Amino acid sequence: MTPPEQRDVALELERLRGTVEAGFARVDGSLALLVQRSDQIDKQLADHEQRLDSLERSRWPLASIGALAALTTAAVAAVELTGR
């Protein structure tokens, strides 16, 4: 038979073990949530990068169209000034 002090120590150690396990489970759940949010943010970032690249690719003709319009206007003005 074990003395009462040893039983009390064993009981307290068992309670402490349960508390530590519960704490680890809570921390593990929090870490899993953070990993999930990080994955979602990575997906959003990749989507935004793709959309930005698409916008940048579609924007380049605007400068070319503006330059062509300016050249056309200058040519028409020159023809008008020379009086044909």
PDB file of N, CA and C in Angstrom:
ATOM      1  N   MET A   1       0.830  -1.174   0.000  1.00  0.00           N
ATOM      2  CA  MET A   1       0.000   0.000   0.000  1.00  0.00           C
ATOM      3  C   MET A   1       0.877   1.240   0.000  1.00  0.00           C
ATOM      4  N   THR A   2       0.455   2.239  -0.785  1.00  0.00           N
ATOM      5  CA  THR A   2       1.268   3.456  -0.910  1.00  0.00           C
ATOM      6  C   THR A   2       0.842   4.464   0.140  1.00  0.00           C
ATOM      7  N   PRO A   3       1.799   5.248   0.586  1.00  0.00           N
ATOM      8  CA  PRO A   3       1.460   6.289   1.568  1.00  0.00           C
ATOM      9  C   PRO A   3       0.576   7.364   0.936  1.00  0.00           C
ATOM     10  N   PRO A   4      -0.193   8.085   1.733  1.00  0.00           N
ATOM     11  CA  PRO A   4      -1.118   9.109   1.214  1.00  0.00           C
ATOM     12  C   PRO A   4      -0.400  10.218   0.432  1.00  0.00           C
ATOM     13  N   GLU A   5       0.835  10.544   0.836  1.00  0.00           N
ATOM     14  CA  GLU A   5       1.560  11.616   0.136  1.00  0.00           C
ATOM     15  C   GLU A   5       1.848  11.222  -1.310  1.00  0.00           C
ATOM     16  N   GLN A   6       2.210   9.968  -1.520  1.00  0.00           N
ATOM     17  CA  GLN A   6       2.514   9.506  -2.877  1.00  0.00           C
ATOM     18  C   GLN A   6       1.245   9.485  -3.733  1.00  0.00           C
ATOM     19  N   ARG A   7       0.133   9.109  -3.123  1.00  0.00           N
ATOM     20  CA  ARG A   7      -1.128   9.111  -3.871  1.00  0.00           C
ATOM     21  C   ARG A   7      -1.529  10.531  -4.246  1.00  0.00           C
ATOM     22  N   ASP A   8      -1.329  11.463  -3.302  1.00  0.00           N
ATOM     23  CA  ASP A   8      -1.647  12.867  -3.592  1.00  0.00           C
ATOM     24  C   ASP A   8      -0.770  13.407  -4.712  1.00  0.00           C
ATOM     25  N   VAL A   9       0.523  13.057  -4.682  1.00  0.00           N
ATOM     26  CA  VAL A   9       1.444  13.501  -5.726  1.00  0.00           C
ATOM     27  C   VAL A   9       1.035  12.894  -7.070  1.00  0.00           C
ATOM     28  N   ALA A  10       0.708  11.612  -7.068  1.00  0.00           N
ATOM     29  CA  ALA A  10       0.304  10.950  -8.304  1.00  0.00           C
ATOM     30  C   ALA A  10      -0.980  11.570  -8.848  1.00  0.00           C
ATOM     31  N   LEU A  11      -1.916  11.897  -7.972  1.00  0.00           N
ATOM     32  CA  LEU A  11      -3.165  12.519  -8.392  1.00  0.00           C
ATOM     33  C   LEU A  11      -2.918  13.905  -8.974  1.00  0.00           C
ATOM     34  N   GLU A  12      -2.080  14.681  -8.331  1.00  0.00           N
ATOM     35  CA  GLU A  12      -1.755  16.020  -8.829  1.00  0.00           C
ATOM     36  C   GLU A  12      -1.016  15.951 -10.160  1.00  0.00           C
ATOM     37  N   LEU A  13      -0.117  14.966 -10.289  1.00  0.00           N
ATOM     38  CA  LEU A  13       0.589  14.804 -11.560  1.00  0.00           C
ATOM     39  C   LEU A  13      -0.387  14.444 -12.674  1.00  0.00           C
ATOM     40  N   GLU A  14      -1.368  13.610 -12.372  1.00  0.00           N
ATOM     41  CA  GLU A  14      -2.368  13.241 -13.374  1.00  0.00           C
ATOM     42  C   GLU A  14      -3.201  14.460 -13.769  1.00  0.00           C
ATOM     43  N   ARG A  15      -3.576  15.280 -12.812  1.00  0.00           N
ATOM     44  CA  ARG A  15      -4.321  16.506 -13.111  1.00  0.00           C
ATOM     45  C   ARG A  15      -3.469  17.456 -13.957  1.00  0.00           C
ATOM     46  N   LEU A  16      -2.210  17.577 -13.582  1.00  0.00           N
ATOM     47  CA  LEU A  16      -1.293  18.435 -14.327  1.00  0.00           C
ATOM     48  C   LEU A  16      -1.139  17.932 -15.764  1.00  0.00           C
ATOM     49  N   ARG A  17      -1.055  16.633 -15.915  1.00  0.00           N
ATOM     50  CA  ARG A  17      -0.941  16.039 -17.253  1.00  0.00           C
ATOM     51  C   ARG A  17      -2.172  16.368 -18.092  1.00  0.00           C
ATOM     52  N   GLY A  18      -3.332  16.259 -17.499  1.00  0.00           N
ATOM     53  CA  GLY A  18      -4.576  16.595 -18.210  1.00  0.00           C
ATOM     54  C   GLY A  18      -4.612  18.065 -18.605  1.00  0.00           C
ATOM     55  N   THR A  19      -4.172  18.933 -17.714  1.00  0.00           N
ATOM     56  CA  THR A  19      -4.145  20.360 -18.008  1.00  0.00           C
ATOM     57  C   THR A  19      -3.182  20.668 -19.142  1.00  0.00           C
ATOM     58  N   VAL A  20      -2.015  20.036 -19.115  1.00  0.00           N
ATOM     59  CA  VAL A  20      -1.023  20.248 -20.165  1.00  0.00           C
ATOM     60  C   VAL A  20      -1.548  19.728 -21.505  1.00  0.00           C
ATOM     61  N   GLU A  21      -2.177  18.567 -21.501  1.00  0.00           N
ATOM     62  CA  GLU A  21      -2.740  18.021 -22.740  1.00  0.00           C
ATOM     63  C   GLU A  21      -3.825  18.932 -23.302  1.00  0.00           C
ATOM     64  N   ALA A  22      -4.668  19.465 -22.435  1.00  0.00           N
ATOM     65  CA  ALA A  22      -5.715  20.383 -22.895  1.00  0.00           C
ATOM     66  C   ALA A  22      -5.093  21.657 -23.471  1.00  0.00           C
ATOM     67  N   GLY A  23      -4.051  22.149 -22.821  1.00  0.00           N
ATOM     68  CA  GLY A  23      -3.361  23.342 -23.324  1.00  0.00           C
ATOM     69  C   GLY A  23      -2.718  23.101 -24.682  1.00  0.00           C
ATOM     70  N   PHE A  24      -2.081  21.946 -24.821  1.00  0.00           N
ATOM     71  CA  PHE A  24      -1.466  21.612 -26.109  1.00  0.00           C
ATOM     72  C   PHE A  24      -2.529  21.477 -27.199  1.00  0.00           C
ATOM     73  N   ALA A  25      -3.661  20.897 -26.871  1.00  0.00           N
ATOM     74  CA  ALA A  25      -4.737  20.759 -27.853  1.00  0.00           C
ATOM     75  C   ALA A  25      -5.249  22.123 -28.287  1.00  0.00           C
ATOM     76  N   ARG A  26      -5.375  23.051 -27.340  1.00  0.00           N
ATOM     77  CA  ARG A  26      -5.835  24.399 -27.664  1.00  0.00           C
ATOM     78  C   ARG A  26      -4.813  25.125 -28.543  1.00  0.00           C
ATOM     79  N   VAL A  27      -3.530  25.000 -28.204  1.00  0.00           N
ATOM     80  CA  VAL A  27      -2.476  25.627 -29.005  1.00  0.00           C
ATOM     81  C   VAL A  27      -2.424  25.000 -30.398  1.00  0.00           C
ATOM     82  N   ASP A  28      -2.578  23.692 -30.473  1.00  0.00           N
ATOM     83  CA  ASP A  28      -2.567  23.005 -31.755  1.00  0.00           C
ATOM     84  C   ASP A  28      -3.730  23.478 -32.633  1.00  0.00           C
ATOM     85  N   GLY A  29      -4.891  23.649 -32.038  1.00  0.00           N
ATOM     86  CA  GLY A  29      -6.044  24.161 -32.783  1.00  0.00           C
ATOM     87  C   GLY A  29      -5.815  25.578 -33.274  1.00  0.00           C
ATOM     88  N   SER A  30      -5.214  26.409 -32.441  1.00  0.00           N
ATOM     89  CA  SER A  30      -4.916  27.780 -32.847  1.00  0.00           C
ATOM     90  C   SER A  30      -3.907  27.812 -33.984  1.00  0.00           C
ATOM     91  N   LEU A  31      -2.906  26.961 -33.907  1.00  0.00           N
ATOM     92  CA  LEU A  31      -1.909  26.900 -34.974  1.00  0.00           C
ATOM     93  C   LEU A  31      -2.530  26.408 -36.283  1.00  0.00           C
ATOM     94  N   ALA A  32      -3.422  25.444 -36.195  1.00  0.00           N
ATOM     95  CA  ALA A  32      -4.096  24.951 -37.401  1.00  0.00           C
ATOM     96  C   ALA A  32      -4.926  26.063 -38.038  1.00  0.00           C
ATOM     97  N   LEU A  33      -5.591  26.867 -37.203  1.00  0.00           N
ATOM     98  CA  LEU A  33      -6.373  27.987 -37.717  1.00  0.00           C
ATOM     99  C   LEU A  33      -5.469  29.009 -38.394  1.00  0.00           C
ATOM    100  N   LEU A  34      -4.325  29.303 -37.791  1.00  0.00           N
ATOM    101  CA  LEU A  34      -3.389  30.251 -38.393  1.00  0.00           C
ATOM    102  C   LEU A  34      -2.842  29.741 -39.724  1.00  0.00           C
ATOM    103  N   VAL A  35      -2.568  28.457 -39.808  1.00  0.00           N
ATOM    104  CA  VAL A  35      -2.089  27.880 -41.066  1.00  0.00           C
ATOM    105  C   VAL A  35      -3.175  27.980 -42.133  1.00  0.00           C
ATOM    106  N   GLN A  36      -4.418  27.719 -41.759  1.00  0.00           N
ATOM    107  CA  GLN A  36      -5.525  27.809 -42.711  1.00  0.00           C
ATOM    108  C   GLN A  36      -5.676  29.247 -43.209  1.00  0.00           C
ATOM    109  N   ARG A  37      -5.620  30.217 -42.311  1.00  0.00           N
ATOM    110  CA  ARG A  37      -5.722  31.617 -42.721  1.00  0.00           C
ATOM    111  C   ARG A  37      -4.553  32.019 -43.608  1.00  0.00           C
ATOM    112  N   SER A  38      -3.380  31.528 -43.292  1.00  0.00           N
ATOM    113  CA  SER A  38      -2.200  31.826 -44.113  1.00  0.00           C
ATOM    114  C   SER A  38      -2.373  31.269 -45.520  1.00  0.00           C
ATOM    115  N   ASP A  39      -2.914  30.074 -45.637  1.00  0.00           N
ATOM    116  CA  ASP A  39      -3.164  29.486 -46.950  1.00  0.00           C
ATOM    117  C   ASP A  39      -4.182  30.314 -47.736  1.00  0.00           C
ATOM    118  N   GLN A  40      -5.223  30.777 -47.054  1.00  0.00           N
ATOM    119  CA  GLN A  40      -6.226  31.602 -47.722  1.00  0.00           C
ATOM    120  C   GLN A  40      -5.618  32.918 -48.196  1.00  0.00           C
ATOM    121  N   ILE A  41      -4.773  33.513 -47.381  1.00  0.00           N
ATOM    122  CA  ILE A  41      -4.120  34.770 -47.758  1.00  0.00           C
ATOM    123  C   ILE A  41      -3.194  34.546 -48.938  1.00  0.00           C
ATOM    124  N   ASP A  42      -2.484  33.418 -48.955  1.00  0.00           N
ATOM    125  CA  ASP A  42      -1.615  33.107 -50.090  1.00  0.00           C
ATOM    126  C   ASP A  42      -2.428  32.968 -51.375  1.00  0.00           C
ATOM    127  N   LYS A  43      -3.593  32.334 -51.287  1.00  0.00           N
ATOM    128  CA  LYS A  43      -4.452  32.186 -52.463  1.00  0.00           C
ATOM    129  C   LYS A  43      -4.958  33.545 -52.938  1.00  0.00           C
ATOM    130  N   GLN A  44      -5.362  34.399 -52.000  1.00  0.00           N
ATOM    131  CA  GLN A  44      -5.832  35.732 -52.368  1.00  0.00           C
ATOM    132  C   GLN A  44      -4.714  36.550 -53.006  1.00  0.00           C
ATOM    133  N   LEU A  45      -3.531  36.442 -52.466  1.00  0.00           N
ATOM    134  CA  LEU A  45      -2.391  37.165 -53.012  1.00  0.00           C
ATOM    135  C   LEU A  45      -2.077  36.697 -54.425  1.00  0.00           C
ATOM    136  N   ALA A  46      -2.119  35.401 -54.648  1.00  0.00           N
ATOM    137  CA  ALA A  46      -1.870  34.873 -55.988  1.00  0.00           C
ATOM    138  C   ALA A  46      -2.954  35.353 -56.955  1.00  0.00           C
ATOM    139  N   ASP A  47      -4.213  35.388 -56.504  1.00  0.00           N
ATOM    140  CA  ASP A  47      -5.298  35.870 -57.339  1.00  0.00           C
ATOM    141  C   ASP A  47      -5.106  37.347 -57.678  1.00  0.00           C
ATOM    142  N   HIS A  48      -4.726  38.138 -56.696  1.00  0.00           N
ATOM    143  CA  HIS A  48      -4.498  39.565 -56.941  1.00  0.00           C
ATOM    144  C   HIS A  48      -3.325  39.792 -57.888  1.00  0.00           C
ATOM    145  N   GLU A  49      -2.281  39.003 -57.750  1.00  0.00           N
ATOM    146  CA  GLU A  49      -1.138  39.115 -58.656  1.00  0.00           C
ATOM    147  C   GLU A  49      -1.569  38.800 -60.087  1.00  0.00           C
ATOM    148  N   GLN A  50      -2.383  37.772 -60.242  1.00  0.00           N
ATOM    149  CA  GLN A  50      -2.855  37.384 -61.573  1.00  0.00           C
ATOM    150  C   GLN A  50      -3.719  38.501 -62.168  1.00  0.00           C
ATOM    151  N   ARG A  51      -4.596  39.065 -61.379  1.00  0.00           N
ATOM    152  CA  ARG A  51      -5.465  40.137 -61.862  1.00  0.00           C
ATOM    153  C   ARG A  51      -4.649  41.376 -62.213  1.00  0.00           C
ATOM    154  N   LEU A  52      -3.652  41.701 -61.406  1.00  0.00           N
ATOM    155  CA  LEU A  52      -2.796  42.854 -61.679  1.00  0.00           C
ATOM    156  C   LEU A  52      -2.005  42.649 -62.963  1.00  0.00           C
ATOM    157  N   ASP A  53      -1.470  41.452 -63.170  1.00  0.00           N
ATOM    158  CA  ASP A  53      -0.755  41.153 -64.408  1.00  0.00           C
ATOM    159  C   ASP A  53      -1.679  41.310 -65.616  1.00  0.00           C
ATOM    160  N   SER A  54      -2.917  40.853 -65.467  1.00  0.00           N
ATOM    161  CA  SER A  54      -3.884  40.977 -66.559  1.00  0.00           C
ATOM    162  C   SER A  54      -4.158  42.445 -66.869  1.00  0.00           C
ATOM    163  N   LEU A  55      -4.317  43.258 -65.837  1.00  0.00           N
ATOM    164  CA  LEU A  55      -4.549  44.687 -66.054  1.00  0.00           C
ATOM    165  C   LEU A  55      -3.345  45.361 -66.704  1.00  0.00           C
ATOM    166  N   GLU A  56      -2.159  44.989 -66.281  1.00  0.00           N
ATOM    167  CA  GLU A  56      -0.959  45.581 -66.856  1.00  0.00           C
ATOM    168  C   GLU A  56      -0.817  45.205 -68.325  1.00  0.00           C
ATOM    169  N   ARG A  57      -1.151  43.977 -68.677  1.00  0.00           N
ATOM    170  CA  ARG A  57      -1.059  43.539 -70.073  1.00  0.00           C
ATOM    171  C   ARG A  57      -2.078  44.259 -70.943  1.00  0.00           C
ATOM    172  N   SER A  58      -3.261  44.520 -70.431  1.00  0.00           N
ATOM    173  CA  SER A  58      -4.304  45.158 -71.232  1.00  0.00           C
ATOM    174  C   SER A  58      -4.124  46.667 -71.304  1.00  0.00           C
ATOM    175  N   ARG A  59      -3.253  47.238 -70.517  1.00  0.00           N
ATOM    176  CA  ARG A  59      -3.097  48.685 -70.468  1.00  0.00           C
ATOM    177  C   ARG A  59      -2.145  49.201 -71.546  1.00  0.00           C
ATOM    178  N   TRP A  60      -1.191  48.412 -71.995  1.00  0.00           N
ATOM    179  CA  TRP A  60      -0.169  48.923 -72.907  1.00  0.00           C
ATOM    180  C   TRP A  60      -0.730  49.512 -74.188  1.00  0.00           C
ATOM    181  N   PRO A  61      -1.841  49.030 -74.779  1.00  0.00           N
ATOM    182  CA  PRO A  61      -2.320  49.639 -76.017  1.00  0.00           C
ATOM    183  C   PRO A  61      -2.802  51.078 -75.839  1.00  0.00           C
ATOM    184  N   LEU A  62      -3.156  51.474 -74.649  1.00  0.00           N
ATOM    185  CA  LEU A  62      -3.667  52.823 -74.440  1.00  0.00           C
ATOM    186  C   LEU A  62      -2.625  53.878 -74.812  1.00  0.00           C
ATOM    187  N   ALA A  63      -1.394  53.682 -74.445  1.00  0.00           N
ATOM    188  CA  ALA A  63      -0.344  54.644 -74.786  1.00  0.00           C
ATOM    189  C   ALA A  63      -0.115  54.657 -76.289  1.00  0.00           C
ATOM    190  N   SER A  64      -0.147  53.499 -76.906  1.00  0.00           N
ATOM    191  CA  SER A  64       0.041  53.419 -78.357  1.00  0.00           C
ATOM    192  C   SER A  64      -1.099  54.113 -79.089  1.00  0.00           C
ATOM    193  N   ILE A  65      -2.308  53.897 -78.643  1.00  0.00           N
ATOM    194  CA  ILE A  65      -3.471  54.542 -79.271  1.00  0.00           C
ATOM    195  C   ILE A  65      -3.386  56.053 -79.103  1.00  0.00           C
ATOM    196  N   GLY A  66      -2.980  56.500 -77.932  1.00  0.00           N
ATOM    197  CA  GLY A  66      -2.816  57.939 -77.699  1.00  0.00           C
ATOM    198  C   GLY A  66      -1.755  58.533 -78.604  1.00  0.00           C
ATOM    199  N   ALA A  67      -0.636  57.841 -78.779  1.00  0.00           N
ATOM    200  CA  ALA A  67       0.428  58.336 -79.658  1.00  0.00           C
ATOM    201  C   ALA A  67      -0.039  58.370 -81.106  1.00  0.00           C
ATOM    202  N   LEU A  68      -0.737  57.347 -81.559  1.00  0.00           N
ATOM    203  CA  LEU A  68      -1.258  57.330 -82.932  1.00  0.00           C
ATOM    204  C   LEU A  68      -2.266  58.456 -83.156  1.00  0.00           C
ATOM    205  N   ALA A  69      -3.119  58.698 -82.183  1.00  0.00           N
ATOM    206  CA  ALA A  69      -4.090  59.795 -82.305  1.00  0.00           C
ATOM    207  C   ALA A  69      -3.374  61.133 -82.389  1.00  0.00           C
ATOM    208  N   ALA A  70      -2.334  61.320 -81.609  1.00  0.00           N
ATOM    209  CA  ALA A  70      -1.577  62.572 -81.648  1.00  0.00           C
ATOM    210  C   ALA A  70      -0.883  62.744 -82.984  1.00  0.00           C
ATOM    211  N   LEU A  71      -0.296  61.689 -83.515  1.00  0.00           N
ATOM    212  CA  LEU A  71       0.358  61.770 -84.821  1.00  0.00           C
ATOM    213  C   LEU A  71      -0.650  62.057 -85.931  1.00  0.00           C
ATOM    214  N   THR A  72      -1.810  61.422 -85.858  1.00  0.00           N
ATOM    215  CA  THR A  72      -2.846  61.659 -86.856  1.00  0.00           C
ATOM    216  C   THR A  72      -3.319  63.108 -86.805  1.00  0.00           C
ATOM    217  N   THR A  73      -3.504  63.616 -85.610  1.00  0.00           N
ATOM    218  CA  THR A  73      -3.922  65.006 -85.444  1.00  0.00           C
ATOM    219  C   THR A  73      -2.864  65.947 -85.991  1.00  0.00           C
ATOM    220  N   ALA A  74      -1.602  65.667 -85.712  1.00  0.00           N
ATOM    221  CA  ALA A  74      -0.526  66.511 -86.220  1.00  0.00           C
ATOM    222  C   ALA A  74      -0.463  66.448 -87.738  1.00  0.00           C
ATOM    223  N   ALA A  75      -0.676  65.280 -88.314  1.00  0.00           N
ATOM    224  CA  ALA A  75      -0.648  65.144 -89.770  1.00  0.00           C
ATOM    225  C   ALA A  75      -1.804  65.907 -90.396  1.00  0.00           C
ATOM    226  N   VAL A  76      -2.988  65.787 -89.822  1.00  0.00           N
ATOM    227  CA  VAL A  76      -4.149  66.515 -90.351  1.00  0.00           C
ATOM    228  C   VAL A  76      -3.931  68.017 -90.215  1.00  0.00           C
ATOM    229  N   ALA A  77      -3.380  68.457 -89.136  1.00  0.00           N
ATOM    230  CA  ALA A  77      -3.115  69.889 -88.940  1.00  0.00           C
ATOM    231  C   ALA A  77      -2.081  70.371 -89.944  1.00  0.00           C
ATOM    232  N   ALA A  78      -1.067  69.572 -90.189  1.00  0.00           N
ATOM    233  CA  ALA A  78      -0.034  69.960 -91.165  1.00  0.00           C
ATOM    234  C   ALA A  78      -0.635  70.055 -92.564  1.00  0.00           C
ATOM    235  N   VAL A  79      -1.493  69.126 -92.927  1.00  0.00           N
ATOM    236  CA  VAL A  79      -2.124  69.157 -94.245  1.00  0.00           C
ATOM    237  C   VAL A  79      -3.015  70.385 -94.363  1.00  0.00           C
ATOM    238  N   GLU A  80      -3.746  70.705 -93.320  1.00  0.00           N
ATOM    239  CA  GLU A  80      -4.625  71.870 -93.324  1.00  0.00           C
ATOM    240  C   GLU A  80      -3.812  73.170 -93.423  1.00  0.00           C
ATOM    241  N   LEU A  81      -2.667  73.227 -92.755  1.00  0.00           N
ATOM    242  CA  LEU A  81      -1.838  74.424 -92.784  1.00  0.00           C
ATOM    243  C   LEU A  81      -1.191  74.642 -94.153  1.00  0.00           C
ATOM    244  N   THR A  82      -0.835  73.585 -94.787  1.00  0.00           N
ATOM    245  CA  THR A  82      -0.203  73.715 -96.105  1.00  0.00           C
ATOM    246  C   THR A  82      -1.227  74.022 -97.171  1.00  0.00           C
ATOM    247  N   GLY A  83      -2.458  73.885 -96.869  1.00  0.00           N
ATOM    248  CA  GLY A  83      -3.524  74.225 -97.788  1.00  0.00           C
ATOM    249  C   GLY A  83      -3.660  73.259 -98.932  1.00  0.00           C
ATOM    250  N   ARG A  84      -3.154  72.135 -98.808  1.00  0.00           N
ATOM    251  CA  ARG A  84      -3.201  71.061 -99.800  1.00  0.00           C
ATOM    252  C   ARG A  84      -2.533  71.486-101.027  1.00  0.00           C
TER     253      ARG A  84
END
